[in-house]
């Protein structure tokens, strides 16, 4: 399972979704979907914009957590 860590970056950089939206052009709905784990088709362009804004790598935004086997 892929986990989005965008809220952690918002907190660490003391920024808001509105500030990120204005600086990157990423829509408010896209940011909300990512933050809520609802955007399963995030584009490379969006990831690139987030990495540029936060000056981070993709691994700071996404994390892989293996699924537990039953």
N, C-alpha and C. Protein backbone atom coordinates (compact mmCIF):
# COMPACT_ATOMS: atom_id res chain seq x y z
N UNK A 1 0.85 -1.17 0.00
CA UNK A 1 0.00 0.00 0.00
C UNK A 1 0.90 1.25 0.00
N UNK A 2 0.53 2.21 -0.81
CA UNK A 2 1.26 3.48 -0.86
C UNK A 2 0.58 4.47 0.08
N UNK A 3 1.36 5.09 0.92
CA UNK A 3 0.85 6.06 1.89
C UNK A 3 1.40 7.44 1.50
N UNK A 4 0.51 8.43 1.47
CA UNK A 4 0.94 9.81 1.21
C UNK A 4 1.31 10.48 2.53
N UNK A 5 2.41 11.23 2.51
CA UNK A 5 2.91 11.89 3.72
C UNK A 5 2.87 13.41 3.57
N UNK A 6 1.92 13.90 2.79
CA UNK A 6 1.86 15.33 2.51
C UNK A 6 1.57 16.16 3.77
N UNK A 7 0.72 15.66 4.65
CA UNK A 7 0.43 16.39 5.89
C UNK A 7 1.69 16.59 6.73
N UNK A 8 2.56 15.59 6.73
CA UNK A 8 3.83 15.72 7.46
C UNK A 8 4.66 16.87 6.90
N UNK A 9 4.67 17.00 5.57
CA UNK A 9 5.43 18.09 4.94
C UNK A 9 4.80 19.45 5.23
N UNK A 10 3.47 19.50 5.22
CA UNK A 10 2.79 20.76 5.56
C UNK A 10 3.19 21.20 6.96
N UNK A 11 3.17 20.25 7.89
CA UNK A 11 3.51 20.55 9.28
C UNK A 11 4.98 20.97 9.40
N UNK A 12 5.86 20.20 8.80
CA UNK A 12 7.30 20.46 8.87
C UNK A 12 7.66 21.83 8.29
N UNK A 13 7.02 22.20 7.20
CA UNK A 13 7.33 23.47 6.52
C UNK A 13 6.41 24.61 6.95
N UNK A 14 5.55 24.31 7.90
CA UNK A 14 4.61 25.31 8.42
C UNK A 14 3.91 26.07 7.28
N UNK A 15 3.29 25.31 6.42
CA UNK A 15 2.59 25.87 5.27
C UNK A 15 1.17 25.35 5.24
N UNK A 16 0.38 25.91 4.37
CA UNK A 16 -1.02 25.51 4.24
C UNK A 16 -1.28 25.02 2.82
N UNK A 17 -2.39 24.34 2.66
CA UNK A 17 -2.78 23.87 1.33
C UNK A 17 -2.96 25.06 0.39
N UNK A 18 -3.49 26.15 0.90
CA UNK A 18 -3.69 27.35 0.08
C UNK A 18 -2.37 27.92 -0.41
N UNK A 19 -1.37 27.95 0.44
CA UNK A 19 -0.05 28.44 0.03
C UNK A 19 0.57 27.52 -1.02
N UNK A 20 0.43 26.22 -0.83
CA UNK A 20 0.97 25.26 -1.80
C UNK A 20 0.22 25.40 -3.13
N UNK A 21 -1.09 25.54 -3.06
CA UNK A 21 -1.90 25.69 -4.26
C UNK A 21 -1.48 26.93 -5.05
N UNK A 22 -1.33 28.04 -4.38
CA UNK A 22 -0.95 29.29 -5.05
C UNK A 22 0.45 29.20 -5.67
N UNK A 23 1.36 28.56 -4.98
CA UNK A 23 2.75 28.48 -5.45
C UNK A 23 2.96 27.46 -6.56
N UNK A 24 2.15 26.39 -6.57
CA UNK A 24 2.39 25.30 -7.51
C UNK A 24 1.37 25.21 -8.63
N UNK A 25 0.19 25.76 -8.42
CA UNK A 25 -0.88 25.62 -9.40
C UNK A 25 -1.63 24.32 -9.29
N UNK A 26 -1.31 23.51 -8.29
CA UNK A 26 -2.04 22.26 -8.05
C UNK A 26 -3.39 22.63 -7.45
N UNK A 27 -4.45 22.06 -7.99
CA UNK A 27 -5.79 22.44 -7.53
C UNK A 27 -6.02 22.04 -6.07
N UNK A 28 -6.92 22.77 -5.43
CA UNK A 28 -7.27 22.48 -4.05
C UNK A 28 -7.85 21.08 -3.92
N UNK A 29 -8.65 20.65 -4.90
CA UNK A 29 -9.24 19.32 -4.82
C UNK A 29 -8.18 18.22 -4.95
N UNK A 30 -7.19 18.44 -5.80
CA UNK A 30 -6.10 17.46 -5.93
C UNK A 30 -5.32 17.36 -4.64
N UNK A 31 -4.98 18.50 -4.04
CA UNK A 31 -4.25 18.48 -2.77
C UNK A 31 -5.07 17.78 -1.69
N UNK A 32 -6.36 18.07 -1.65
CA UNK A 32 -7.23 17.43 -0.66
C UNK A 32 -7.28 15.93 -0.87
N UNK A 33 -7.41 15.49 -2.12
CA UNK A 33 -7.45 14.06 -2.41
C UNK A 33 -6.15 13.37 -2.00
N UNK A 34 -5.03 14.01 -2.28
CA UNK A 34 -3.74 13.43 -1.89
C UNK A 34 -3.65 13.34 -0.37
N UNK A 35 -4.00 14.42 0.31
CA UNK A 35 -3.90 14.44 1.77
C UNK A 35 -4.80 13.39 2.41
N UNK A 36 -5.93 13.09 1.76
CA UNK A 36 -6.87 12.12 2.30
C UNK A 36 -6.66 10.72 1.74
N UNK A 37 -5.60 10.56 0.93
CA UNK A 37 -5.29 9.24 0.38
C UNK A 37 -6.28 8.78 -0.67
N UNK A 38 -7.01 9.71 -1.29
CA UNK A 38 -8.04 9.35 -2.26
C UNK A 38 -7.55 9.45 -3.70
N UNK A 39 -6.40 10.05 -3.93
CA UNK A 39 -5.92 10.25 -5.30
C UNK A 39 -4.94 9.13 -5.65
N UNK A 40 -5.45 8.11 -6.28
CA UNK A 40 -4.58 6.98 -6.60
C UNK A 40 -3.86 7.16 -7.92
N UNK A 41 -4.21 8.18 -8.68
CA UNK A 41 -3.60 8.43 -9.98
C UNK A 41 -2.86 9.77 -9.99
N UNK A 42 -2.02 9.99 -9.03
CA UNK A 42 -1.27 11.23 -8.96
C UNK A 42 -0.26 11.27 -10.12
N UNK A 43 -0.21 12.39 -10.79
CA UNK A 43 0.68 12.49 -11.95
C UNK A 43 2.12 12.78 -11.54
N UNK A 44 3.02 12.44 -12.43
CA UNK A 44 4.44 12.74 -12.23
C UNK A 44 4.63 14.25 -12.17
N UNK A 45 3.87 14.97 -12.96
CA UNK A 45 3.94 16.44 -12.97
C UNK A 45 3.58 17.01 -11.60
N UNK A 46 2.53 16.46 -10.99
CA UNK A 46 2.13 16.91 -9.65
C UNK A 46 3.20 16.57 -8.62
N UNK A 47 3.73 15.36 -8.68
CA UNK A 47 4.81 14.97 -7.76
C UNK A 47 6.01 15.89 -7.93
N UNK A 48 6.34 16.21 -9.18
CA UNK A 48 7.47 17.09 -9.46
C UNK A 48 7.25 18.47 -8.84
N UNK A 49 6.04 19.00 -8.99
CA UNK A 49 5.73 20.32 -8.41
C UNK A 49 5.84 20.30 -6.89
N UNK A 50 5.36 19.22 -6.27
CA UNK A 50 5.44 19.11 -4.81
C UNK A 50 6.89 18.98 -4.35
N UNK A 51 7.68 18.20 -5.07
CA UNK A 51 9.10 18.05 -4.73
C UNK A 51 9.83 19.39 -4.86
N UNK A 52 9.51 20.14 -5.90
CA UNK A 52 10.14 21.46 -6.07
C UNK A 52 9.73 22.40 -4.95
N UNK A 53 8.44 22.42 -4.62
CA UNK A 53 7.95 23.33 -3.58
C UNK A 53 8.59 23.02 -2.23
N UNK A 54 8.60 21.75 -1.86
CA UNK A 54 9.12 21.36 -0.55
C UNK A 54 10.63 21.07 -0.56
N UNK A 55 11.24 21.15 -1.75
CA UNK A 55 12.67 20.85 -1.90
C UNK A 55 12.98 19.49 -1.26
N UNK A 56 12.27 18.48 -1.77
CA UNK A 56 12.40 17.15 -1.20
C UNK A 56 12.40 16.09 -2.30
N UNK A 57 12.59 14.86 -1.91
CA UNK A 57 12.52 13.74 -2.85
C UNK A 57 11.12 13.14 -2.81
N UNK A 58 10.82 12.31 -3.79
CA UNK A 58 9.52 11.65 -3.85
C UNK A 58 9.28 10.82 -2.59
N UNK A 59 10.32 10.24 -2.04
CA UNK A 59 10.17 9.42 -0.83
C UNK A 59 9.73 10.23 0.39
N UNK A 60 9.83 11.54 0.31
CA UNK A 60 9.31 12.39 1.39
C UNK A 60 7.81 12.59 1.26
N UNK A 61 7.27 12.27 0.08
CA UNK A 61 5.84 12.45 -0.18
C UNK A 61 5.11 11.12 -0.14
N UNK A 62 5.76 10.07 -0.63
CA UNK A 62 5.16 8.74 -0.71
C UNK A 62 5.95 7.74 0.11
N UNK A 63 5.23 6.77 0.67
CA UNK A 63 5.89 5.71 1.42
C UNK A 63 5.18 4.40 1.12
N UNK A 64 5.96 3.37 0.92
CA UNK A 64 5.39 2.04 0.68
C UNK A 64 5.29 1.28 1.99
N UNK A 65 4.09 0.77 2.28
CA UNK A 65 3.88 -0.09 3.44
C UNK A 65 3.34 -1.41 2.93
N UNK A 66 4.08 -2.49 3.14
CA UNK A 66 3.61 -3.80 2.66
C UNK A 66 2.26 -4.16 3.29
N UNK A 67 1.43 -4.80 2.51
CA UNK A 67 0.14 -5.27 3.02
C UNK A 67 0.39 -6.47 3.93
N UNK A 68 -0.38 -6.54 5.00
CA UNK A 68 -0.27 -7.69 5.89
C UNK A 68 -0.98 -8.87 5.26
N UNK A 69 -0.35 -10.04 5.30
CA UNK A 69 -0.99 -11.26 4.79
C UNK A 69 -1.82 -11.89 5.88
N UNK A 70 -3.01 -12.35 5.49
CA UNK A 70 -3.89 -12.99 6.46
C UNK A 70 -3.67 -14.47 6.51
